[in-house]
Amino acid sequence: MWRRLKRLGVAKLLDGLVALPHDARSKEQLEWVADDIAAAGGETTMWIGQLASLADERAIVRELSETVAAEYRRVLSDADAAREVDEAARRRMLGRLRRELRRIRPRDYFPPPEAERARAAVEALAKLSEVRA
């Protein structure tokens, strides 16, 4: 279940306690995870909470944003590396990077600056492939 929660982009607060921004999509996804845990014989409780301090809220937002920013930085790095490989390898890498962007996007609750740079780098790579084709 932890892998599923990580795919949702949760912030781990304590052992067994995670947080997500409250919206309809994240609530629905957590309900599915809770159902699976219950079906496996486990117990879950979902709470809708409000943090008592702005500092705590900023810390959670920072953690969620930094986790996603690191993933975007990897995409940027891989896009740069793809410029140096042959055309066939570049096309394969382009497909993988586009899939990676689609995988990251649902967890990108607080888009960091790296998000737009990563998308632009992947699209520039696509144009490079078109020009050379």
Protein backbone atom coordinates (compact mmCIF):
# COMPACT_ATOMS: atom_id res chain seq x y z
CA MET A 1 0.00 0.00 0.00
CA TRP A 2 2.89 2.35 0.69
CA ARG A 3 3.83 2.33 -3.01
CA ARG A 4 0.27 3.24 -3.94
CA LEU A 5 0.29 6.08 -1.44
CA LYS A 6 3.62 7.33 -2.80
CA ARG A 7 2.17 7.30 -6.33
CA LEU A 8 -0.55 9.61 -5.00
CA GLY A 9 2.17 11.95 -3.77
CA VAL A 10 1.45 11.79 -0.04
CA ALA A 11 3.57 13.52 2.56
CA LYS A 12 4.53 11.05 5.28
CA LEU A 13 3.98 12.80 8.61
CA LEU A 14 4.50 9.89 11.00
CA ASP A 15 4.60 6.13 10.74
CA GLY A 16 1.18 5.29 9.32
CA LEU A 17 0.09 8.93 8.98
CA VAL A 18 0.13 10.63 5.59
CA ALA A 19 -1.24 13.89 4.23
CA LEU A 20 -2.53 15.11 0.90
CA PRO A 21 -4.15 18.38 -0.14
CA HIS A 22 -7.91 18.11 0.28
CA ASP A 23 -9.59 17.92 -3.09
CA ALA A 24 -12.11 15.57 -4.65
CA ARG A 25 -9.52 13.60 -6.60
CA SER A 26 -7.18 12.93 -3.67
CA LYS A 27 -10.12 12.07 -1.41
CA GLU A 28 -11.40 9.54 -3.94
CA GLN A 29 -7.95 8.01 -4.38
CA LEU A 30 -7.49 7.68 -0.61
CA GLU A 31 -10.90 6.04 -0.33
CA TRP A 32 -9.79 3.42 -2.86
CA VAL A 33 -6.61 2.75 -0.88
CA ALA A 34 -8.64 2.53 2.35
CA ASP A 35 -11.02 0.04 0.71
CA ASP A 36 -8.09 -2.13 -0.38
CA ILE A 37 -6.58 -2.02 3.10
CA ALA A 38 -9.91 -3.04 4.64
CA ALA A 39 -10.31 -5.84 2.07
CA ALA A 40 -6.88 -7.14 3.13
CA GLY A 41 -8.01 -7.20 6.78
CA GLY A 42 -6.38 -3.94 7.81
CA GLU A 43 -7.83 -0.85 9.41
CA THR A 44 -7.87 2.70 8.13
CA THR A 45 -9.25 6.00 9.24
CA MET A 46 -9.43 9.03 7.00
CA TRP A 47 -9.47 12.45 8.59
CA ILE A 48 -9.94 15.84 7.06
CA GLY A 49 -7.81 18.16 9.09
CA GLN A 50 -6.57 21.66 9.26
CA LEU A 51 -3.08 22.38 10.49
CA ALA A 52 -2.86 24.58 13.53
CA SER A 53 0.09 26.62 12.30
CA LEU A 54 1.01 28.22 9.02
CA ALA A 55 4.58 26.99 9.53
CA ASP A 56 3.40 23.36 9.59
CA GLU A 57 1.33 23.92 6.46
CA ARG A 58 4.30 25.48 4.67
CA ALA A 59 6.52 22.57 5.69
CA ILE A 60 4.11 20.02 4.21
CA VAL A 61 3.66 22.05 1.03
CA ARG A 62 7.46 22.39 0.77
CA GLU A 63 7.89 18.61 1.17
CA LEU A 64 5.26 17.81 -1.45
CA SER A 65 6.70 20.38 -3.85
CA GLU A 66 10.33 19.35 -3.35
CA THR A 67 9.56 15.67 -3.95
CA VAL A 68 7.95 16.50 -7.29
CA ALA A 69 10.65 19.07 -8.15
CA ALA A 70 13.30 16.35 -7.77
CA GLU A 71 11.41 14.18 -10.24
CA TYR A 72 11.18 17.07 -12.72
CA ARG A 73 14.93 17.68 -12.32
CA ARG A 74 15.56 14.05 -13.29
CA VAL A 75 13.41 14.56 -16.40
CA LEU A 76 15.41 17.70 -17.24
CA SER A 77 18.69 15.83 -16.82
CA ASP A 78 17.50 12.91 -18.94
CA ALA A 79 16.22 15.28 -21.65
CA ASP A 80 19.62 16.94 -21.78
CA ALA A 81 21.35 13.55 -22.02
CA ALA A 82 18.97 12.48 -24.81
CA ARG A 83 20.34 15.23 -27.05
CA GLU A 84 23.64 13.35 -27.23
CA VAL A 85 22.37 9.93 -28.33
CA ASP A 86 21.46 8.56 -31.74
CA GLU A 87 18.02 9.20 -33.21
CA ALA A 88 16.49 5.81 -32.33
CA ALA A 89 17.61 6.07 -28.71
CA ARG A 90 16.41 9.69 -28.58
CA ARG A 91 12.92 8.69 -29.74
CA ARG A 92 12.76 5.94 -27.10
CA MET A 93 13.91 8.37 -24.43
CA LEU A 94 11.38 10.95 -25.64
CA GLY A 95 8.55 8.45 -25.21
CA ARG A 96 9.78 7.53 -21.75
CA LEU A 97 10.13 11.17 -20.71
CA ARG A 98 6.61 11.99 -21.91
CA ARG A 99 5.26 9.04 -19.90
CA GLU A 100 7.25 10.22 -16.90
CA LEU A 101 5.73 13.71 -17.16
CA ARG A 102 2.24 12.17 -17.31
CA ARG A 103 3.09 10.06 -14.24
CA ILE A 104 4.36 13.05 -12.25
CA ARG A 105 1.55 15.46 -13.12
CA PRO A 106 -1.20 13.96 -10.90
CA ARG A 107 1.06 14.38 -7.83
CA ASP A 108 2.03 17.94 -8.71
CA TYR A 109 -0.25 19.71 -6.24
CA PHE A 110 2.04 22.75 -5.88
CA PRO A 111 3.88 23.07 -9.21
CA PRO A 112 7.54 24.03 -8.75
CA PRO A 113 9.45 26.07 -11.37
CA GLU A 114 11.05 22.83 -12.59
CA ALA A 115 7.68 21.63 -13.91
CA GLU A 116 7.49 24.05 -16.82
CA ARG A 117 11.21 23.73 -17.53
CA ALA A 118 10.89 19.93 -17.73
CA ARG A 119 7.90 20.13 -20.08
CA ALA A 120 9.75 22.64 -22.27
CA ALA A 121 12.88 20.46 -22.36
CA VAL A 122 10.88 17.41 -23.45
CA GLU A 123 9.07 19.37 -26.15
CA ALA A 124 12.39 20.83 -27.36
CA LEU A 125 13.70 17.28 -27.58
CA ALA A 126 10.63 16.34 -29.64
CA LYS A 127 11.26 19.23 -32.03
CA LEU A 128 14.91 18.23 -32.32
CA SER A 129 13.80 14.75 -33.33
CA GLU A 130 11.35 16.19 -35.88
CA VAL A 131 14.02 18.43 -37.43
CA ARG A 132 16.51 15.57 -37.75
CA ALA A 133 13.94 13.12 -39.11
